Amino acid sequence: MLQYLEYHFKSLCFVTALLIFPVCTMAVQHDGNETITVVEAIFAKPSSEIDLARAKLTIDKLVDPSVDVDATLAEIDNMVNEIRHGLSSDLTGIDTLLSLSAFLYESGYWNRNQPLQYDFNDPLGQSINSKLLSNYLDTKKGNCISMPILYVIIAEKLGLDVTLSTAPLHVFVKFRDPLTGKYLSLEATDRGQLVNHEFYKSKSTIKPEAINNGLYLQPLSKKESVGVIAVLLSEYYAEHKQWQNSIDVAKVVLKHYPNYAYAMIKIGNGYSRLLSEKVAEVKAKKSYTIKEKEYMDHLYQQNVYWFNKAEKLGWQMPSQHENETYLNSIKQRRSQLIKASKG
């Protein structure tokens, strides 16, 4: 039996080792049941009543209790009012969108020459803290989670038809042009420029079935957008090795965003980690009960099930070449910005 456990332990470690887990110094301030209650309460609201800003900050506060929800909401409202006062009544939706991008990402008196920027020191978005909205506003540096979420929050308050969308390990903005009824893609991490789907296909491999199955590049519903926001809590628990809590949060997310492959992977990885811990325990005592064997079989089966489910939708693990290509593109972009800043 120990050889059987060793075999499965190795196969699962291979899957787990491919996933990157950030290091977080914040201590867990609450239990999983409290988190589930808060997240389910957000999802329970009708979509028309969900305020993405409050939802995001409520979830952020579960990660970091020092987050001041009301103060951050007031800061966002001030930004919205300042943008709105600078807009003329005859602007088209795209004009308003470009004005918002300029307000956020260009230097000017309105931001004391401190525009919001991509955090080149954390290109893989490994820091949970950097995904918090209040931290993004304080440091002026964000990533592919905090940047598109803030963009959508402000754009919605300006009356634009916007939502979030996903690509492999990435989140971006979708804008519906009222003149054509068509959706345009906007990259919040790159000065809010408008891009097409080929832009994202060039950054990572996206299988045709992943698009056909609605896995990537689709405009998300309000509750699916909340799912993208709420999965932060699954990451948070995983960092603290609270694997069951990480699994439970991701499962709540999947109830409202069934095609969210990233949540499936969080679940599969959580079961893998639970199995690894149980295998280590069994090895240490050199014995196991029938119930323990059944439990380990269950964990293994669940690990396989959730990874297979994601793969059938078109998900695939990014290759080492893709990761290296991405990091090199980030280095090149950073060098270009430094060069431009020096004239």
Protein backbone atom coordinates (compact mmCIF):
# COMPACT_ATOMS: atom_id res chain seq x y z
CA MET A 1 0.00 0.00 0.00
CA LEU A 2 2.85 2.41 0.74
CA GLN A 3 4.12 1.88 -2.80
CA TYR A 4 0.65 2.70 -4.07
CA LEU A 5 0.65 5.89 -2.02
CA GLU A 6 4.13 6.77 -3.20
CA TYR A 7 3.07 6.41 -6.83
CA HIS A 8 0.09 8.72 -6.51
CA PHE A 9 1.98 11.13 -4.31
CA LYS A 10 4.58 11.62 -7.04
CA SER A 11 2.02 12.08 -9.80
CA LEU A 12 0.16 14.69 -7.80
CA CYS A 13 3.32 16.53 -6.85
CA PHE A 14 4.04 16.97 -10.57
CA VAL A 15 0.70 18.71 -11.04
CA THR A 16 1.07 20.82 -7.93
CA ALA A 17 4.62 21.91 -8.67
CA LEU A 18 3.48 23.65 -11.84
CA LEU A 19 1.30 26.07 -9.89
CA ILE A 20 2.88 29.18 -8.40
CA PHE A 21 1.93 30.13 -4.86
CA PRO A 22 2.81 33.59 -3.54
CA VAL A 23 4.09 34.32 -0.08
CA CYS A 24 1.80 36.35 2.14
CA THR A 25 2.69 37.71 5.55
CA MET A 26 -0.84 38.59 6.66
CA ALA A 27 -2.29 36.26 9.28
CA VAL A 28 -5.67 34.58 8.86
CA GLN A 29 -8.16 36.67 10.81
CA HIS A 30 -11.30 34.58 10.29
CA ASP A 31 -12.53 31.05 9.63
CA GLY A 32 -13.81 29.55 6.44
CA ASN A 33 -17.45 29.55 7.49
CA GLU A 34 -17.39 33.31 7.98
CA THR A 35 -15.85 33.78 4.57
CA ILE A 36 -18.40 31.54 2.85
CA THR A 37 -21.25 33.43 4.54
CA VAL A 38 -19.93 36.80 3.34
CA VAL A 39 -19.26 35.60 -0.22
CA GLU A 40 -22.64 33.89 -0.54
CA ALA A 41 -24.37 37.04 0.72
CA ILE A 42 -22.77 39.01 -2.11
CA PHE A 43 -23.84 36.45 -4.71
CA ALA A 44 -27.35 36.29 -3.24
CA LYS A 45 -28.13 39.83 -4.35
CA PRO A 46 -29.80 40.41 -7.72
CA SER A 47 -27.18 41.31 -10.31
CA SER A 48 -28.66 44.80 -10.67
CA GLU A 49 -28.03 45.43 -6.97
CA ILE A 50 -24.42 44.26 -6.84
CA ASP A 51 -21.94 47.11 -6.43
CA LEU A 52 -18.61 45.77 -7.69
CA ALA A 53 -16.68 48.36 -5.70
CA ARG A 54 -18.28 47.37 -2.41
CA ALA A 55 -18.06 43.66 -3.28
CA LYS A 56 -14.35 43.96 -4.05
CA LEU A 57 -13.58 45.93 -0.89
CA THR A 58 -15.68 43.62 1.29
CA ILE A 59 -13.65 40.66 0.04
CA ASP A 60 -10.39 42.59 0.37
CA LYS A 61 -11.23 43.32 3.99
CA LEU A 62 -11.50 39.59 4.68
CA VAL A 63 -7.92 39.30 3.45
CA ASP A 64 -6.66 42.42 5.25
CA PRO A 65 -8.83 43.74 8.13
CA SER A 66 -7.10 47.13 7.90
CA VAL A 67 -8.89 47.88 4.61
CA ASP A 68 -11.17 50.90 5.13
CA VAL A 69 -14.14 50.14 2.90
CA ASP A 70 -15.94 53.47 3.28
CA ALA A 71 -12.81 55.57 2.84
CA THR A 72 -11.81 53.70 -0.33
CA LEU A 73 -15.34 53.98 -1.72
CA ALA A 74 -15.21 57.73 -1.09
CA GLU A 75 -11.84 57.94 -2.88
CA ILE A 76 -13.27 56.14 -5.90
CA ASP A 77 -16.34 58.39 -5.95
CA ASN A 78 -14.08 61.45 -5.89
CA MET A 79 -12.23 60.10 -8.93
CA VAL A 80 -15.52 59.49 -10.73
CA ASN A 81 -16.77 63.00 -9.98
CA GLU A 82 -13.53 64.58 -11.15
CA ILE A 83 -13.66 62.64 -14.42
CA ARG A 84 -17.33 63.41 -14.94
CA HIS A 85 -16.80 67.15 -14.47
CA GLY A 86 -14.22 67.12 -17.25
CA LEU A 87 -16.47 65.41 -19.77
CA SER A 88 -18.68 67.21 -22.26
CA SER A 89 -22.22 66.00 -22.88
CA ASP A 90 -21.64 65.17 -26.56
CA LEU A 91 -18.92 62.57 -26.06
CA THR A 92 -19.44 59.08 -27.46
CA GLY A 93 -18.92 56.00 -25.32
CA ILE A 94 -15.48 55.41 -26.79
CA ASP A 95 -14.56 59.06 -26.17
CA THR A 96 -15.53 58.65 -22.52
CA LEU A 97 -13.56 55.41 -22.34
CA LEU A 98 -10.42 57.07 -23.73
CA SER A 99 -10.88 59.97 -21.32
CA LEU A 100 -11.00 57.51 -18.44
CA SER A 101 -7.81 55.82 -19.66
CA ALA A 102 -6.08 59.19 -19.88
CA PHE A 103 -7.21 60.14 -16.38
CA LEU A 104 -5.88 56.92 -14.88
CA TYR A 105 -2.69 56.31 -16.83
CA GLU A 106 -1.36 59.67 -18.05
CA SER A 107 0.52 62.16 -15.88
CA GLY A 108 -1.24 65.41 -15.10
CA TYR A 109 -2.34 67.86 -12.45
CA TRP A 110 -5.35 65.61 -11.68
CA ASN A 111 -3.08 62.90 -10.29
CA ARG A 112 -0.17 65.08 -9.18
CA ASN A 113 1.83 63.54 -12.04
CA GLN A 114 1.51 60.13 -10.39
CA PRO A 115 -0.53 57.98 -12.80
CA LEU A 116 -1.54 54.42 -12.03
CA GLN A 117 1.05 51.99 -13.34
CA TYR A 118 1.70 48.32 -13.81
CA ASP A 119 3.81 46.82 -11.03
CA PHE A 120 6.89 45.53 -12.85
CA ASN A 121 8.31 44.23 -9.57
CA ASP A 122 5.53 41.63 -9.40
CA PRO A 123 4.93 40.65 -13.05
CA LEU A 124 3.33 37.31 -12.16
CA GLY A 125 0.94 38.87 -9.68
CA GLN A 126 2.26 36.71 -6.86
CA SER A 127 1.57 39.16 -4.06
CA ILE A 128 -1.92 38.96 -2.59
CA ASN A 129 -1.46 42.42 -1.15
CA SER A 130 -0.91 43.89 -4.62
CA LYS A 131 -4.37 42.62 -5.64
CA LEU A 132 -6.11 44.70 -2.98
CA LEU A 133 -7.86 47.76 -4.36
CA SER A 134 -6.81 50.06 -1.52
CA ASN A 135 -3.17 49.05 -1.95
CA TYR A 136 -3.38 49.76 -5.68
CA LEU A 137 -4.72 53.26 -5.03
CA ASP A 138 -2.13 53.93 -2.32
CA THR A 139 0.94 52.68 -4.18
CA LYS A 140 -0.25 53.63 -7.70
CA LYS A 141 0.96 50.18 -8.80
CA GLY A 142 -1.30 47.31 -9.77
CA ASN A 143 -1.59 44.10 -11.74
CA CYS A 144 -3.99 42.23 -14.02
CA ILE A 145 -6.45 41.83 -11.15
CA SER A 146 -6.56 45.20 -9.42
CA MET A 147 -6.16 47.29 -12.58
CA PRO A 148 -9.07 45.95 -14.68
CA ILE A 149 -11.33 45.71 -11.63
CA LEU A 150 -10.83 49.38 -10.76
CA TYR A 151 -11.28 50.32 -14.43
CA VAL A 152 -14.62 48.52 -14.64
CA ILE A 153 -15.78 50.00 -11.33
CA ILE A 154 -15.12 53.56 -12.46
CA ALA A 155 -16.36 53.02 -16.02
CA GLU A 156 -19.65 51.61 -14.72
CA LYS A 157 -20.14 54.64 -12.51
CA LEU A 158 -19.60 56.81 -15.60
CA GLY A 159 -22.46 55.01 -17.30
CA LEU A 160 -20.39 52.83 -19.65
CA ASP A 161 -21.39 49.26 -20.49
CA VAL A 162 -18.30 47.40 -19.30
CA THR A 163 -17.44 44.13 -17.67
CA LEU A 164 -14.50 41.86 -16.96
CA SER A 165 -13.17 39.09 -19.19
CA THR A 166 -10.47 36.46 -18.83
CA ALA A 167 -7.54 34.99 -20.72
CA PRO A 168 -5.11 32.37 -19.35
CA LEU A 169 -3.97 33.69 -15.95
CA HIS A 170 -5.16 37.16 -16.94
CA VAL A 171 -8.13 39.50 -16.51
CA PHE A 172 -9.02 42.37 -18.82
CA VAL A 173 -11.89 44.74 -19.66
CA LYS A 174 -14.73 44.36 -22.17
CA PHE A 175 -16.56 47.49 -23.38
CA ARG A 176 -19.82 47.34 -25.33
CA ASP A 177 -19.96 50.17 -27.85
CA PRO A 178 -23.54 51.53 -27.83
CA LEU A 179 -23.18 52.71 -31.43
CA THR A 180 -22.40 49.26 -32.84
CA GLY A 181 -23.51 46.92 -30.07
CA LYS A 182 -20.16 45.14 -30.36
CA TYR A 183 -17.73 44.42 -27.55
CA LEU A 184 -14.21 45.83 -27.63
CA SER A 185 -11.34 44.60 -25.47
CA LEU A 186 -9.30 46.97 -23.34
CA GLU A 187 -5.99 46.20 -21.64
CA ALA A 188 -5.90 47.97 -18.28
CA THR A 189 -2.30 46.92 -17.59
CA ASP A 190 -1.09 48.67 -20.74
CA ARG A 191 -2.41 52.24 -20.41
CA GLY A 192 -5.98 51.23 -21.24
CA GLN A 193 -5.36 50.64 -24.91
CA LEU A 194 -7.97 48.95 -27.08
CA VAL A 195 -6.83 45.55 -28.37
CA ASN A 196 -8.30 42.60 -30.26
CA HIS A 197 -8.44 38.93 -29.35
CA GLU A 198 -5.25 38.25 -31.31
CA PHE A 199 -3.43 40.32 -28.71
CA TYR A 200 -4.29 37.76 -26.03
CA LYS A 201 -3.77 34.77 -28.31
CA SER A 202 -0.24 36.03 -28.95
CA LYS A 203 0.52 36.15 -25.23
CA SER A 204 -0.47 32.55 -24.43
CA THR A 205 -1.86 29.46 -26.08
CA ILE A 206 -5.66 29.54 -26.23
CA LYS A 207 -7.23 26.43 -27.71
CA PRO A 208 -10.22 26.89 -30.06
CA GLU A 209 -12.34 24.76 -27.74
CA ALA A 210 -11.52 27.09 -24.85
CA ILE A 211 -13.20 29.91 -26.77
CA ASN A 212 -16.06 27.73 -28.04
CA ASN A 213 -16.77 26.56 -24.49
CA GLY A 214 -16.79 30.11 -23.17
CA LEU A 215 -13.64 29.63 -21.12
CA TYR A 216 -11.81 32.74 -22.29
CA LEU A 217 -12.31 36.09 -24.06
CA GLN A 218 -16.01 36.30 -23.19
CA PRO A 219 -17.76 39.27 -21.53
CA LEU A 220 -18.64 38.13 -18.03
CA SER A 221 -21.94 38.60 -16.24
CA LYS A 222 -22.02 40.65 -13.04
CA LYS A 223 -21.94 37.51 -10.88
CA GLU A 224 -19.16 35.97 -12.95
CA SER A 225 -17.20 39.17 -12.36
CA VAL A 226 -17.81 38.76 -8.64
CA GLY A 227 -16.42 35.24 -9.03
CA VAL A 228 -13.17 36.63 -10.46
CA ILE A 229 -13.00 38.97 -7.48
CA ALA A 230 -13.91 36.36 -4.86
CA VAL A 231 -11.37 33.73 -5.97
CA LEU A 232 -8.79 35.94 -4.23
CA LEU A 233 -9.99 34.34 -0.99
CA SER A 234 -9.21 30.87 -2.33
CA GLU A 235 -5.69 32.06 -3.10
CA TYR A 236 -5.46 33.62 0.36
CA TYR A 237 -6.34 30.39 2.15
CA ALA A 238 -4.00 28.40 -0.08
CA GLU A 239 -1.13 30.64 0.96
CA HIS A 240 -1.88 29.80 4.57
CA LYS A 241 -2.17 26.08 3.73
CA GLN A 242 -5.83 26.02 4.70
CA TRP A 243 -6.62 23.79 1.78
CA GLN A 244 -10.20 22.88 2.64
CA ASN A 245 -11.14 26.54 3.02
CA SER A 246 -9.47 27.27 -0.31
CA ILE A 247 -11.49 24.49 -1.93
CA ASP A 248 -14.77 25.59 -0.34
CA VAL A 249 -14.46 29.20 -1.51
CA ALA A 250 -13.60 28.12 -5.07
CA LYS A 251 -16.65 25.84 -5.12
CA VAL A 252 -18.91 28.74 -4.15
CA VAL A 253 -17.39 30.76 -6.99
CA LEU A 254 -18.09 27.95 -9.46
CA LYS A 255 -21.79 27.94 -8.55
CA HIS A 256 -22.02 31.38 -10.16
CA TYR A 257 -19.24 31.10 -12.74
CA PRO A 258 -19.37 27.43 -13.86
CA ASN A 259 -16.73 27.82 -16.59
CA TYR A 260 -14.09 29.46 -14.43
CA ALA A 261 -11.15 27.12 -15.04
CA TYR A 262 -8.90 28.92 -12.57
CA ALA A 263 -11.31 28.09 -9.73
CA MET A 264 -11.33 24.45 -10.85
CA ILE A 265 -7.55 24.38 -10.71
CA LYS A 266 -7.59 25.88 -7.20
CA ILE A 267 -9.92 23.05 -6.14
CA GLY A 268 -7.84 20.35 -7.82
CA ASN A 269 -4.68 21.71 -6.29
CA GLY A 270 -6.31 21.91 -2.85
CA TYR A 271 -7.17 18.22 -2.97
CA SER A 272 -3.64 17.44 -4.09
CA ARG A 273 -2.20 19.31 -1.12
CA LEU A 274 -4.58 17.58 1.31
CA LEU A 275 -3.51 14.22 -0.12
CA SER A 276 0.16 15.14 0.21
CA GLU A 277 -0.34 15.99 3.87
CA LYS A 278 -2.24 12.75 4.54
CA VAL A 279 0.36 10.64 2.73
CA ALA A 280 3.08 12.22 4.86
CA GLU A 281 1.09 11.41 8.00
CA VAL A 282 0.59 7.78 6.96
CA LYS A 283 4.26 7.38 6.10
CA ALA A 284 5.31 8.80 9.44
CA LYS A 285 3.27 6.31 11.45
CA LYS A 286 3.80 3.46 8.94
CA SER A 287 0.19 2.37 9.15
CA TYR A 288 -3.25 3.39 7.99
CA THR A 289 -6.88 2.46 8.54
CA ILE A 290 -9.52 1.54 5.99
CA LYS A 291 -11.12 4.95 6.52
CA GLU A 292 -7.80 6.65 5.88
CA LYS A 293 -7.35 4.69 2.66
CA GLU A 294 -10.86 5.65 1.53
CA TYR A 295 -10.14 9.28 2.39
CA MET A 296 -6.90 9.29 0.38
CA ASP A 297 -8.64 7.61 -2.56
CA HIS A 298 -11.31 10.32 -2.40
CA LEU A 299 -8.72 13.10 -2.41
CA TYR A 300 -6.92 11.57 -5.37
CA GLN A 301 -10.13 11.11 -7.34
CA GLN A 302 -11.17 14.69 -6.68
CA ASN A 303 -7.79 16.00 -7.78
CA VAL A 304 -8.04 14.12 -11.07
CA TYR A 305 -11.70 15.07 -11.54
CA TRP A 306 -11.18 18.84 -11.27
CA PHE A 307 -8.10 18.97 -13.46
CA ASN A 308 -9.83 16.81 -16.09
CA LYS A 309 -12.90 19.05 -15.93
CA ALA A 310 -10.81 22.13 -16.66
CA GLU A 311 -8.87 20.39 -19.43
CA LYS A 312 -12.07 19.25 -21.18
CA LEU A 313 -13.12 22.90 -21.40
CA GLY A 314 -9.83 23.77 -23.09
CA TRP A 315 -7.66 24.79 -20.15
CA GLN A 316 -4.00 23.89 -20.27
CA MET A 317 -1.01 24.58 -18.07
CA PRO A 318 1.22 27.35 -19.48
CA SER A 319 4.50 25.93 -20.72
CA GLN A 320 7.88 27.05 -19.42
CA HIS A 321 8.49 28.66 -22.81
CA GLU A 322 5.29 30.72 -22.50
CA ASN A 323 6.25 31.86 -19.01
CA GLU A 324 9.72 32.86 -20.16
CA THR A 325 8.33 34.66 -23.20
CA TYR A 326 5.92 36.59 -21.00
CA LEU A 327 8.60 37.60 -18.51
CA ASN A 328 10.88 38.71 -21.34
CA SER A 329 8.10 40.85 -22.81
CA ILE A 330 7.64 42.48 -19.41
CA LYS A 331 11.36 43.26 -19.21
CA GLN A 332 11.30 44.77 -22.70
CA ARG A 333 8.27 46.88 -21.91
CA ARG A 334 9.84 48.12 -18.70
CA SER A 335 13.03 49.07 -20.55
CA GLN A 336 10.99 50.95 -23.19
CA LEU A 337 9.15 52.94 -20.54
CA ILE A 338 12.39 53.81 -18.74
CA LYS A 339 13.93 54.92 -22.02
CA ALA A 340 10.86 57.02 -22.90
CA SER A 341 10.88 58.68 -19.49
CA LYS A 342 14.46 59.84 -20.07
CA GLY A 343 13.53 61.37 -23.42
